[in-house]
Amino acid sequence: MNELTPQRLRRVELLRDLDERELATLCTVLVLEPALEPGSVICAEGEQGRCCYLLLSGSVDVVKRLPNGTTRVIATIRQHQFFGEVALIDGAPRSASCVARDACEVARFERAEFDRLMQGGSVFAVRFASSIATSLAGQLRNAHRRLGMSLQALNQAMVSSRTAESRGYYLRLEAQGEGSGHAAD
């Protein structure tokens, strides 16, 4: 496992503009987790969110459990990205699981530390909160776009189904001799 240093944290885009003091503070509040093997569950859907993670190496799949019991990879987190950060805002149960796709190294950022940094006016904490808000807004817009597309496809399927049912109904009437397809005089 590598040591967590300000130089190493500077590789993370969100952290690049922080001064040495802020980076040094982060080194004291981020907790390096033991190395993770592929398939290791970092956080599980439904568990209480008390921290977020910084992926220092490797990649992580975000996995959602579907109503039919199967699972689906809905995103992949790459090196130097944070994930699970909504837990810092609401502490609600996790909406998906995060599973190591390959060997990974992660640092954990506890909600209590985030709150302490926010109360202390940390530039990083304020920037991170803004980044979370921006990310959530983008996710919401994307979800609305996908919902709109799904509703449109569902509507088209319903119209097609009704049209097919109507055609079938009139074909059955004609076959039974009850309809000629012409309006009565």
N, C-alpha and C. Protein backbone atom coordinates (compact mmCIF):
# COMPACT_ATOMS: atom_id res chain seq x y z
N MET A 1 0.85 -1.17 0.00
CA MET A 1 0.00 0.00 0.00
C MET A 1 0.90 1.24 0.00
N ASN A 2 0.55 2.18 -0.81
CA ASN A 2 1.31 3.43 -0.90
C ASN A 2 0.88 4.40 0.19
N GLU A 3 1.77 5.29 0.51
CA GLU A 3 1.48 6.34 1.48
C GLU A 3 0.64 7.43 0.83
N LEU A 4 -0.19 8.06 1.62
CA LEU A 4 -1.02 9.16 1.14
C LEU A 4 -0.27 10.46 1.39
N THR A 5 0.11 11.15 0.32
CA THR A 5 0.89 12.38 0.42
C THR A 5 0.20 13.50 -0.34
N PRO A 6 0.53 14.77 -0.01
CA PRO A 6 -0.04 15.88 -0.79
C PRO A 6 0.27 15.76 -2.29
N GLN A 7 1.45 15.29 -2.64
CA GLN A 7 1.80 15.13 -4.05
C GLN A 7 0.90 14.10 -4.74
N ARG A 8 0.60 13.04 -4.03
CA ARG A 8 -0.28 12.01 -4.59
C ARG A 8 -1.71 12.53 -4.73
N LEU A 9 -2.17 13.30 -3.76
CA LEU A 9 -3.53 13.86 -3.83
C LEU A 9 -3.65 14.90 -4.93
N ARG A 10 -2.58 15.57 -5.26
CA ARG A 10 -2.63 16.60 -6.30
C ARG A 10 -2.97 16.00 -7.67
N ARG A 11 -2.84 14.69 -7.84
CA ARG A 11 -3.21 14.02 -9.10
C ARG A 11 -4.72 13.98 -9.31
N VAL A 12 -5.47 14.19 -8.23
CA VAL A 12 -6.94 14.16 -8.28
C VAL A 12 -7.42 15.53 -8.75
N GLU A 13 -8.16 15.55 -9.86
CA GLU A 13 -8.57 16.82 -10.47
C GLU A 13 -9.23 17.77 -9.48
N LEU A 14 -10.12 17.27 -8.67
CA LEU A 14 -10.84 18.11 -7.70
C LEU A 14 -9.90 18.74 -6.68
N LEU A 15 -8.74 18.15 -6.49
CA LEU A 15 -7.81 18.61 -5.45
C LEU A 15 -6.63 19.42 -5.98
N ARG A 16 -6.50 19.52 -7.28
CA ARG A 16 -5.31 20.14 -7.89
C ARG A 16 -5.04 21.57 -7.44
N ASP A 17 -6.08 22.33 -7.21
CA ASP A 17 -5.89 23.75 -6.89
C ASP A 17 -5.74 24.03 -5.40
N LEU A 18 -5.77 22.99 -4.59
CA LEU A 18 -5.63 23.21 -3.15
C LEU A 18 -4.18 23.51 -2.80
N ASP A 19 -3.98 24.32 -1.76
CA ASP A 19 -2.60 24.62 -1.34
C ASP A 19 -2.06 23.45 -0.50
N GLU A 20 -0.79 23.49 -0.21
CA GLU A 20 -0.13 22.41 0.52
C GLU A 20 -0.76 22.16 1.89
N ARG A 21 -1.19 23.22 2.55
CA ARG A 21 -1.80 23.08 3.88
C ARG A 21 -3.09 22.29 3.79
N GLU A 22 -3.95 22.63 2.81
CA GLU A 22 -5.21 21.90 2.63
C GLU A 22 -4.95 20.43 2.27
N LEU A 23 -3.98 20.21 1.38
CA LEU A 23 -3.66 18.83 1.00
C LEU A 23 -3.12 18.04 2.19
N ALA A 24 -2.29 18.70 3.00
CA ALA A 24 -1.75 18.03 4.20
C ALA A 24 -2.88 17.70 5.17
N THR A 25 -3.85 18.59 5.30
CA THR A 25 -5.01 18.32 6.16
C THR A 25 -5.77 17.11 5.65
N LEU A 26 -5.99 17.05 4.33
CA LEU A 26 -6.69 15.91 3.76
C LEU A 26 -5.95 14.61 4.01
N CYS A 27 -4.63 14.66 3.96
CA CYS A 27 -3.85 13.44 4.23
C CYS A 27 -4.10 12.93 5.64
N THR A 28 -4.44 13.82 6.56
CA THR A 28 -4.70 13.39 7.93
C THR A 28 -6.13 12.89 8.13
N VAL A 29 -7.07 13.29 7.28
CA VAL A 29 -8.46 12.88 7.46
C VAL A 29 -8.88 11.73 6.55
N LEU A 30 -8.18 11.55 5.44
CA LEU A 30 -8.47 10.41 4.57
C LEU A 30 -7.81 9.17 5.17
N VAL A 31 -8.55 8.06 5.19
CA VAL A 31 -8.04 6.81 5.77
C VAL A 31 -7.82 5.81 4.64
N LEU A 32 -6.57 5.37 4.47
CA LEU A 32 -6.28 4.35 3.46
C LEU A 32 -6.87 3.01 3.89
N GLU A 33 -7.62 2.40 3.01
CA GLU A 33 -8.18 1.08 3.26
C GLU A 33 -7.14 0.03 2.84
N PRO A 34 -7.24 -1.18 3.39
CA PRO A 34 -6.36 -2.25 2.90
C PRO A 34 -6.60 -2.47 1.40
N ALA A 35 -5.58 -2.95 0.69
CA ALA A 35 -5.71 -3.22 -0.75
C ALA A 35 -6.90 -4.14 -1.00
N LEU A 36 -7.63 -3.85 -2.05
CA LEU A 36 -8.83 -4.61 -2.38
C LEU A 36 -8.60 -5.50 -3.59
N GLU A 37 -9.10 -6.71 -3.52
CA GLU A 37 -9.02 -7.65 -4.63
C GLU A 37 -10.24 -7.48 -5.53
N PRO A 38 -10.15 -7.90 -6.79
CA PRO A 38 -11.32 -7.84 -7.66
C PRO A 38 -12.51 -8.56 -7.02
N GLY A 39 -13.69 -7.94 -7.11
CA GLY A 39 -14.90 -8.52 -6.53
C GLY A 39 -15.17 -8.08 -5.10
N SER A 40 -14.22 -7.39 -4.47
CA SER A 40 -14.43 -6.93 -3.10
C SER A 40 -15.53 -5.87 -3.08
N VAL A 41 -16.46 -6.00 -2.14
CA VAL A 41 -17.53 -5.02 -1.99
C VAL A 41 -17.01 -3.90 -1.09
N ILE A 42 -16.99 -2.70 -1.62
CA ILE A 42 -16.51 -1.53 -0.88
C ILE A 42 -17.63 -0.95 -0.03
N CYS A 43 -18.80 -0.82 -0.62
CA CYS A 43 -20.00 -0.42 0.11
C CYS A 43 -21.19 -1.11 -0.55
N ALA A 44 -22.18 -1.46 0.26
CA ALA A 44 -23.30 -2.27 -0.22
C ALA A 44 -24.59 -1.46 -0.28
N GLU A 45 -25.35 -1.70 -1.32
CA GLU A 45 -26.66 -1.07 -1.48
C GLU A 45 -27.50 -1.34 -0.23
N GLY A 46 -28.11 -0.29 0.29
CA GLY A 46 -28.97 -0.41 1.45
C GLY A 46 -28.29 -0.12 2.78
N GLU A 47 -26.95 -0.20 2.82
CA GLU A 47 -26.27 0.09 4.09
C GLU A 47 -26.23 1.60 4.32
N GLN A 48 -26.14 1.97 5.58
CA GLN A 48 -26.11 3.39 5.94
C GLN A 48 -24.84 4.04 5.36
N GLY A 49 -25.00 5.19 4.71
CA GLY A 49 -23.86 5.91 4.14
C GLY A 49 -23.21 6.82 5.18
N ARG A 50 -21.99 6.50 5.56
CA ARG A 50 -21.29 7.30 6.57
C ARG A 50 -19.98 7.89 6.05
N CYS A 51 -19.67 7.59 4.79
CA CYS A 51 -18.40 8.06 4.24
C CYS A 51 -18.47 8.02 2.72
N CYS A 52 -17.48 8.62 2.10
CA CYS A 52 -17.29 8.46 0.67
C CYS A 52 -15.88 7.94 0.47
N TYR A 53 -15.51 7.68 -0.76
CA TYR A 53 -14.22 7.08 -1.06
C TYR A 53 -13.54 7.82 -2.20
N LEU A 54 -12.22 7.79 -2.16
CA LEU A 54 -11.39 8.30 -3.25
C LEU A 54 -10.66 7.09 -3.82
N LEU A 55 -10.86 6.84 -5.10
CA LEU A 55 -10.20 5.71 -5.76
C LEU A 55 -8.80 6.14 -6.17
N LEU A 56 -7.80 5.57 -5.53
CA LEU A 56 -6.41 5.94 -5.80
C LEU A 56 -5.80 5.11 -6.92
N SER A 57 -6.24 3.87 -7.05
CA SER A 57 -5.78 3.03 -8.17
C SER A 57 -6.84 1.97 -8.44
N GLY A 58 -6.88 1.51 -9.69
CA GLY A 58 -7.84 0.50 -10.10
C GLY A 58 -9.13 1.11 -10.61
N SER A 59 -10.17 0.29 -10.68
CA SER A 59 -11.50 0.76 -11.10
C SER A 59 -12.55 0.03 -10.28
N VAL A 60 -13.71 0.68 -10.15
CA VAL A 60 -14.80 0.19 -9.30
C VAL A 60 -16.09 0.24 -10.11
N ASP A 61 -16.85 -0.85 -10.05
CA ASP A 61 -18.17 -0.88 -10.69
C ASP A 61 -19.24 -0.46 -9.68
N VAL A 62 -20.17 0.38 -10.13
CA VAL A 62 -21.34 0.74 -9.34
C VAL A 62 -22.43 -0.22 -9.80
N VAL A 63 -22.95 -1.01 -8.88
CA VAL A 63 -23.87 -2.10 -9.21
C VAL A 63 -25.21 -1.86 -8.51
N LYS A 64 -26.28 -1.93 -9.30
CA LYS A 64 -27.64 -1.71 -8.79
C LYS A 64 -28.40 -3.04 -8.81
N ARG A 65 -29.06 -3.34 -7.70
CA ARG A 65 -29.91 -4.53 -7.62
C ARG A 65 -31.26 -4.18 -8.24
N LEU A 66 -31.73 -4.99 -9.17
CA LEU A 66 -32.99 -4.75 -9.86
C LEU A 66 -34.13 -5.47 -9.14
N PRO A 67 -35.37 -5.03 -9.36
CA PRO A 67 -36.51 -5.65 -8.67
C PRO A 67 -36.61 -7.16 -8.88
N ASN A 68 -36.13 -7.67 -10.01
CA ASN A 68 -36.22 -9.12 -10.27
C ASN A 68 -35.09 -9.91 -9.60
N GLY A 69 -34.24 -9.22 -8.83
CA GLY A 69 -33.17 -9.90 -8.09
C GLY A 69 -31.83 -9.92 -8.80
N THR A 70 -31.81 -9.58 -10.06
CA THR A 70 -30.53 -9.54 -10.78
C THR A 70 -29.82 -8.22 -10.46
N THR A 71 -28.58 -8.12 -10.88
CA THR A 71 -27.83 -6.88 -10.69
C THR A 71 -27.35 -6.36 -12.04
N ARG A 72 -27.08 -5.07 -12.06
CA ARG A 72 -26.63 -4.43 -13.31
C ARG A 72 -25.58 -3.38 -12.97
N VAL A 73 -24.49 -3.38 -13.74
CA VAL A 73 -23.46 -2.35 -13.59
C VAL A 73 -24.01 -1.09 -14.24
N ILE A 74 -24.12 -0.02 -13.44
CA ILE A 74 -24.70 1.22 -13.96
C ILE A 74 -23.63 2.29 -14.20
N ALA A 75 -22.42 2.08 -13.69
CA ALA A 75 -21.33 3.03 -13.91
C ALA A 75 -20.02 2.36 -13.50
N THR A 76 -18.94 2.92 -13.99
CA THR A 76 -17.61 2.47 -13.58
C THR A 76 -16.82 3.69 -13.14
N ILE A 77 -16.24 3.59 -11.96
CA ILE A 77 -15.43 4.67 -11.38
C ILE A 77 -13.98 4.41 -11.76
N ARG A 78 -13.30 5.46 -12.18
CA ARG A 78 -11.90 5.35 -12.59
C ARG A 78 -10.98 5.96 -11.54
N GLN A 79 -9.73 5.66 -11.68
CA GLN A 79 -8.69 6.16 -10.77
C GLN A 79 -8.79 7.67 -10.59
N HIS A 80 -8.58 8.12 -9.36
CA HIS A 80 -8.58 9.52 -8.95
C HIS A 80 -9.96 10.16 -8.93
N GLN A 81 -11.00 9.34 -8.85
CA GLN A 81 -12.36 9.86 -8.71
C GLN A 81 -12.91 9.53 -7.32
N PHE A 82 -13.76 10.42 -6.82
CA PHE A 82 -14.49 10.15 -5.60
C PHE A 82 -15.76 9.39 -5.95
N PHE A 83 -16.26 8.58 -5.01
CA PHE A 83 -17.55 7.92 -5.20
C PHE A 83 -18.21 7.72 -3.85
N GLY A 84 -19.55 7.60 -3.88
CA GLY A 84 -20.32 7.46 -2.65
C GLY A 84 -20.46 8.76 -1.89
N GLU A 85 -20.21 9.87 -2.58
CA GLU A 85 -20.14 11.17 -1.90
C GLU A 85 -21.49 11.70 -1.43
N VAL A 86 -22.60 11.18 -1.94
CA VAL A 86 -23.91 11.63 -1.47
C VAL A 86 -24.06 11.34 0.02
N ALA A 87 -23.38 10.31 0.51
CA ALA A 87 -23.44 9.97 1.94
C ALA A 87 -22.95 11.12 2.81
N LEU A 88 -22.08 11.97 2.28
CA LEU A 88 -21.61 13.11 3.05
C LEU A 88 -22.69 14.15 3.24
N ILE A 89 -23.66 14.16 2.33
CA ILE A 89 -24.73 15.15 2.38
C ILE A 89 -25.90 14.65 3.22
N ASP A 90 -26.36 13.41 2.96
CA ASP A 90 -27.59 12.97 3.63
C ASP A 90 -27.44 11.78 4.56
N GLY A 91 -26.38 11.02 4.46
CA GLY A 91 -26.20 9.87 5.33
C GLY A 91 -27.26 8.79 5.17
N ALA A 92 -28.03 8.85 4.11
CA ALA A 92 -29.10 7.89 3.86
C ALA A 92 -28.50 6.54 3.40
N PRO A 93 -29.33 5.50 3.36
CA PRO A 93 -28.84 4.21 2.86
C PRO A 93 -28.31 4.33 1.43
N ARG A 94 -27.29 3.54 1.14
CA ARG A 94 -26.67 3.55 -0.19
C ARG A 94 -27.68 3.11 -1.25
N SER A 95 -27.68 3.79 -2.40
CA SER A 95 -28.61 3.45 -3.47
C SER A 95 -28.05 2.41 -4.43
N ALA A 96 -26.78 2.06 -4.27
CA ALA A 96 -26.14 1.05 -5.12
C ALA A 96 -24.92 0.52 -4.37
N SER A 97 -24.40 -0.59 -4.84
CA SER A 97 -23.17 -1.16 -4.28
C SER A 97 -21.99 -0.72 -5.14
N CYS A 98 -20.82 -0.67 -4.52
CA CYS A 98 -19.57 -0.38 -5.25
C CYS A 98 -18.65 -1.57 -5.05
N VAL A 99 -18.23 -2.16 -6.17
CA VAL A 99 -17.47 -3.41 -6.16
C VAL A 99 -16.18 -3.21 -6.96
N ALA A 100 -15.06 -3.64 -6.37
CA ALA A 100 -13.77 -3.52 -7.06
C ALA A 100 -13.81 -4.32 -8.36
N ARG A 101 -13.54 -3.65 -9.46
CA ARG A 101 -13.50 -4.32 -10.76
C ARG A 101 -12.18 -5.05 -10.92
N ASP A 102 -11.12 -4.43 -10.41
CA ASP A 102 -9.80 -5.04 -10.39
C ASP A 102 -9.13 -4.66 -9.07
N ALA A 103 -7.87 -4.99 -8.91
CA ALA A 103 -7.19 -4.64 -7.66
C ALA A 103 -7.27 -3.12 -7.47
N CYS A 104 -7.67 -2.71 -6.28
CA CYS A 104 -7.92 -1.29 -6.02
C CYS A 104 -7.25 -0.84 -4.73
N GLU A 105 -7.02 0.46 -4.71
CA GLU A 105 -6.61 1.13 -3.49
C GLU A 105 -7.54 2.31 -3.31
N VAL A 106 -8.17 2.39 -2.15
CA VAL A 106 -9.11 3.47 -1.88
C VAL A 106 -8.79 4.12 -0.54
N ALA A 107 -9.16 5.40 -0.46
CA ALA A 107 -9.08 6.13 0.80
C ALA A 107 -10.50 6.50 1.20
N ARG A 108 -10.81 6.34 2.46
CA ARG A 108 -12.16 6.61 2.99
C ARG A 108 -12.18 8.02 3.59
N PHE A 109 -13.27 8.75 3.34
CA PHE A 109 -13.47 10.10 3.86
C PHE A 109 -14.76 10.09 4.67
N GLU A 110 -14.64 10.12 5.99
CA GLU A 110 -15.78 10.01 6.89
C GLU A 110 -16.63 11.29 6.88
N ARG A 111 -17.92 11.11 7.03
CA ARG A 111 -18.85 12.24 7.07
C ARG A 111 -18.52 13.19 8.23
N ALA A 112 -18.13 12.65 9.37
CA ALA A 112 -17.79 13.49 10.53
C ALA A 112 -16.62 14.41 10.21
N GLU A 113 -15.64 13.91 9.47
CA GLU A 113 -14.49 14.73 9.07
C GLU A 113 -14.91 15.81 8.08
N PHE A 114 -15.79 15.44 7.14
CA PHE A 114 -16.30 16.41 6.18
C PHE A 114 -17.03 17.54 6.91
N ASP A 115 -17.89 17.16 7.86
CA ASP A 115 -18.63 18.16 8.63
C ASP A 115 -17.67 19.08 9.39
N ARG A 116 -16.63 18.50 9.98
CA ARG A 116 -15.65 19.30 10.71
C ARG A 116 -14.93 20.28 9.78
N LEU A 117 -14.56 19.82 8.59
CA LEU A 117 -13.90 20.70 7.63
C LEU A 117 -14.84 21.81 7.15
N MET A 118 -16.10 21.45 6.92
CA MET A 118 -17.09 22.47 6.50
C MET A 118 -17.23 23.54 7.57
N GLN A 119 -17.35 23.13 8.82
CA GLN A 119 -17.50 24.08 9.91
C GLN A 119 -16.27 24.96 10.07
N GLY A 120 -15.11 24.43 9.69
CA GLY A 120 -13.87 25.19 9.78
C GLY A 120 -13.60 26.07 8.56
N GLY A 121 -14.52 26.05 7.58
CA GLY A 121 -14.37 26.89 6.40
C GLY A 121 -13.34 26.39 5.41
N SER A 122 -13.09 25.10 5.39
CA SER A 122 -12.12 24.51 4.47
C SER A 122 -12.49 24.79 3.01
N VAL A 123 -11.52 25.28 2.25
CA VAL A 123 -11.74 25.53 0.82
C VAL A 123 -12.12 24.23 0.13
N PHE A 124 -11.43 23.16 0.48
CA PHE A 124 -11.73 21.86 -0.13
C PHE A 124 -13.16 21.44 0.16
N ALA A 125 -13.60 21.52 1.42
CA ALA A 125 -14.93 21.07 1.81
C ALA A 125 -16.01 21.84 1.05
N VAL A 126 -15.84 23.14 0.92
CA VAL A 126 -16.81 23.96 0.19
C VAL A 126 -16.81 23.57 -1.29
N ARG A 127 -15.63 23.42 -1.86
CA ARG A 127 -15.52 23.03 -3.27
C ARG A 127 -16.11 21.64 -3.49
N PHE A 128 -15.85 20.73 -2.54
CA PHE A 128 -16.35 19.37 -2.66
C PHE A 128 -17.88 19.35 -2.57
N ALA A 129 -18.45 20.12 -1.66
CA ALA A 129 -19.91 20.21 -1.54
C ALA A 129 -20.51 20.75 -2.84
N SER A 130 -19.86 21.74 -3.43
CA SER A 130 -20.32 22.30 -4.71
C SER A 130 -20.22 21.24 -5.82
N SER A 131 -19.15 20.48 -5.81
CA SER A 131 -18.96 19.42 -6.80
C SER A 131 -20.05 18.36 -6.66
N ILE A 132 -20.39 18.00 -5.43
CA ILE A 132 -21.45 17.02 -5.19
C ILE A 132 -22.77 17.55 -5.74
N ALA A 133 -23.07 18.81 -5.46
CA ALA A 133 -24.32 19.42 -5.94
C ALA A 133 -24.36 19.43 -7.46
N THR A 134 -23.26 19.78 -8.10
CA THR A 134 -23.19 19.81 -9.56
C THR A 134 -23.38 18.41 -10.13
N SER A 135 -22.73 17.44 -9.52
CA SER A 135 -22.85 16.05 -9.96
C SER A 135 -24.29 15.55 -9.83
N LEU A 136 -24.92 15.85 -8.71
CA LEU A 136 -26.30 15.42 -8.49
C LEU A 136 -27.25 16.09 -9.48
N ALA A 137 -27.02 17.36 -9.77
CA ALA A 137 -27.86 18.06 -10.75
C ALA A 137 -27.74 17.39 -12.12
N GLY A 138 -26.52 17.04 -12.50
CA GLY A 138 -26.30 16.36 -13.78
C GLY A 138 -26.97 14.99 -13.81
N GLN A 139 -26.88 14.26 -12.70
CA GLN A 139 -27.51 12.95 -12.62
C GLN A 139 -29.03 13.08 -12.70
N LEU A 140 -29.57 14.08 -12.06
CA LEU A 140 -31.02 14.30 -12.09
C LEU A 140 -31.47 14.65 -13.52
N ARG A 141 -30.72 15.53 -14.18
CA ARG A 141 -31.07 15.87 -15.57
C ARG A 141 -31.00 14.63 -16.47
N ASN A 142 -29.98 13.83 -16.28
CA ASN A 142 -29.83 12.61 -17.07
C ASN A 142 -30.97 11.64 -16.79
N ALA A 143 -31.35 11.50 -15.52
CA ALA A 143 -32.47 10.62 -15.17
C ALA A 143 -33.77 11.12 -15.80
N HIS A 144 -33.98 12.44 -15.78
CA HIS A 144 -35.19 13.00 -16.41
C HIS A 144 -35.18 12.74 -17.92
N ARG A 145 -34.03 12.87 -18.54
CA ARG A 145 -33.92 12.62 -19.98
C ARG A 145 -34.25 11.15 -20.28
N ARG A 146 -33.66 10.24 -19.49
CA ARG A 146 -33.91 8.80 -19.69
C ARG A 146 -35.38 8.46 -19.42
N LEU A 147 -35.95 9.08 -18.39
CA LEU A 147 -37.36 8.84 -18.08
C LEU A 147 -38.24 9.31 -19.23
N GLY A 148 -37.94 10.49 -19.77
CA GLY A 148 -38.70 11.00 -20.91
C GLY A 148 -38.62 10.07 -22.10
N MET A 149 -37.41 9.55 -22.37
CA MET A 149 -37.25 8.61 -23.49
C MET A 149 -38.02 7.32 -23.22
N SER A 150 -37.99 6.83 -21.98
CA SER A 150 -38.71 5.61 -21.64
C SER A 150 -40.21 5.80 -21.76
N LEU A 151 -40.71 6.94 -21.29
CA LEU A 151 -42.14 7.23 -21.40
C LEU A 151 -42.57 7.35 -22.86
N GLN A 152 -41.71 7.96 -23.66
CA GLN A 152 -42.03 8.08 -25.09
C GLN A 152 -42.07 6.70 -25.74
N ALA A 153 -41.12 5.85 -25.43
CA ALA A 153 -41.10 4.49 -25.99
C ALA A 153 -42.31 3.70 -25.51
N LEU A 154 -42.67 3.85 -24.23
CA LEU A 154 -43.84 3.16 -23.70
C LEU A 154 -45.11 3.64 -24.39
N ASN A 155 -45.23 4.93 -24.59
CA ASN A 155 -46.39 5.49 -25.28
C ASN A 155 -46.47 4.96 -26.71
N GLN A 156 -45.35 4.92 -27.41
CA GLN A 156 -45.35 4.40 -28.78
C GLN A 156 -45.74 2.93 -28.80
N ALA A 157 -45.26 2.17 -27.82
CA ALA A 157 -45.61 0.75 -27.76
C ALA A 157 -47.10 0.58 -27.49
N MET A 158 -47.65 1.43 -26.62
CA MET A 158 -49.09 1.33 -26.32
C MET A 158 -49.91 1.69 -27.55
N VAL A 159 -49.51 2.73 -28.28
CA VAL A 159 -50.23 3.12 -29.49
C VAL A 159 -50.15 2.00 -30.52
N SER A 160 -48.97 1.43 -30.69
CA SER A 160 -48.81 0.32 -31.64
C SER A 160 -49.67 -0.87 -31.24
N SER A 161 -49.70 -1.16 -29.94
CA SER A 161 -50.49 -2.28 -29.44
C SER A 161 -51.98 -2.03 -29.69
N ARG A 162 -52.44 -0.80 -29.40
CA ARG A 162 -53.85 -0.47 -29.62
C ARG A 162 -54.19 -0.54 -31.10
N THR A 163 -53.29 -0.07 -31.94
CA THR A 163 -53.53 -0.12 -33.39
C THR A 163 -53.62 -1.56 -33.84
N ALA A 164 -52.72 -2.41 -33.35
CA ALA A 164 -52.74 -3.83 -33.71
C ALA A 164 -54.02 -4.49 -33.19
N GLU A 165 -54.44 -4.14 -31.97
CA GLU A 165 -55.68 -4.70 -31.42
C GLU A 165 -56.87 -4.28 -32.26
N SER A 166 -56.90 -3.01 -32.66
CA SER A 166 -58.01 -2.51 -33.48
C SER A 166 -58.05 -3.23 -34.82
N ARG A 167 -56.89 -3.39 -35.45
CA ARG A 167 -56.85 -4.10 -36.74
C ARG A 167 -57.37 -5.52 -36.56
N GLY A 168 -56.93 -6.16 -35.49
CA GLY A 168 -57.36 -7.54 -35.23
C GLY A 168 -58.87 -7.62 -35.01
N TYR A 169 -59.41 -6.64 -34.30
CA TYR A 169 -60.85 -6.60 -34.02
C TYR A 169 -61.63 -6.48 -35.33
N TYR A 170 -61.23 -5.54 -36.20
CA TYR A 170 -61.95 -5.36 -37.45
C TYR A 170 -61.78 -6.55 -38.38
N LEU A 171 -60.60 -7.18 -38.35
CA LEU A 171 -60.40 -8.37 -39.17
C LEU A 171 -61.31 -9.51 -38.68
N ARG A 172 -61.46 -9.63 -37.36
CA ARG A 172 -62.34 -10.66 -36.81
C ARG A 172 -63.80 -10.37 -37.20
N LEU A 173 -64.21 -9.09 -37.14
CA LEU A 173 -65.57 -8.74 -37.53
C LEU A 173 -65.82 -9.09 -38.99
N GLU A 174 -64.87 -8.74 -39.84
CA GLU A 174 -65.04 -9.03 -41.26
C GLU A 174 -65.09 -10.53 -41.50
N ALA A 175 -64.26 -11.28 -40.77
CA ALA A 175 -64.25 -12.73 -40.93
C ALA A 175 -65.58 -13.34 -40.48
N GLN A 176 -66.22 -12.72 -39.50
CA GLN A 176 -67.51 -13.20 -39.03
C GLN A 176 -68.66 -12.68 -39.85
N GLY A 177 -68.34 -11.80 -40.81
CA GLY A 177 -69.37 -11.24 -41.67
C GLY A 177 -70.17 -10.13 -41.04
N GLU A 178 -69.66 -9.61 -39.89
CA GLU A 178 -70.42 -8.57 -39.19
C GLU A 178 -70.02 -7.16 -39.64
N GLY A 179 -68.97 -7.03 -40.33
CA GLY A 179 -68.56 -5.69 -40.75
C GLY A 179 -68.06 -5.71 -42.16
N SER A 180 -68.44 -4.73 -42.89
CA SER A 180 -67.97 -4.65 -44.27
C SER A 180 -66.87 -3.63 -44.42
N GLY A 181 -66.60 -2.91 -43.33
CA GLY A 181 -65.59 -1.87 -43.40
C GLY A 181 -66.15 -0.59 -43.98
N HIS A 182 -67.45 -0.56 -44.35
CA HIS A 182 -68.06 0.65 -44.91
C HIS A 182 -69.11 1.18 -43.95
N ALA A 183 -69.30 2.45 -43.99
CA ALA A 183 -70.29 3.08 -43.15
C ALA A 183 -71.69 2.75 -43.66
N ALA A 184 -72.64 2.61 -42.74
CA ALA A 184 -74.03 2.30 -43.16
C ALA A 184 -74.64 3.51 -43.84
N ASP A 185 -75.49 3.24 -44.84
CA ASP A 185 -76.19 4.33 -45.55
C ASP A 185 -77.35 4.82 -44.78
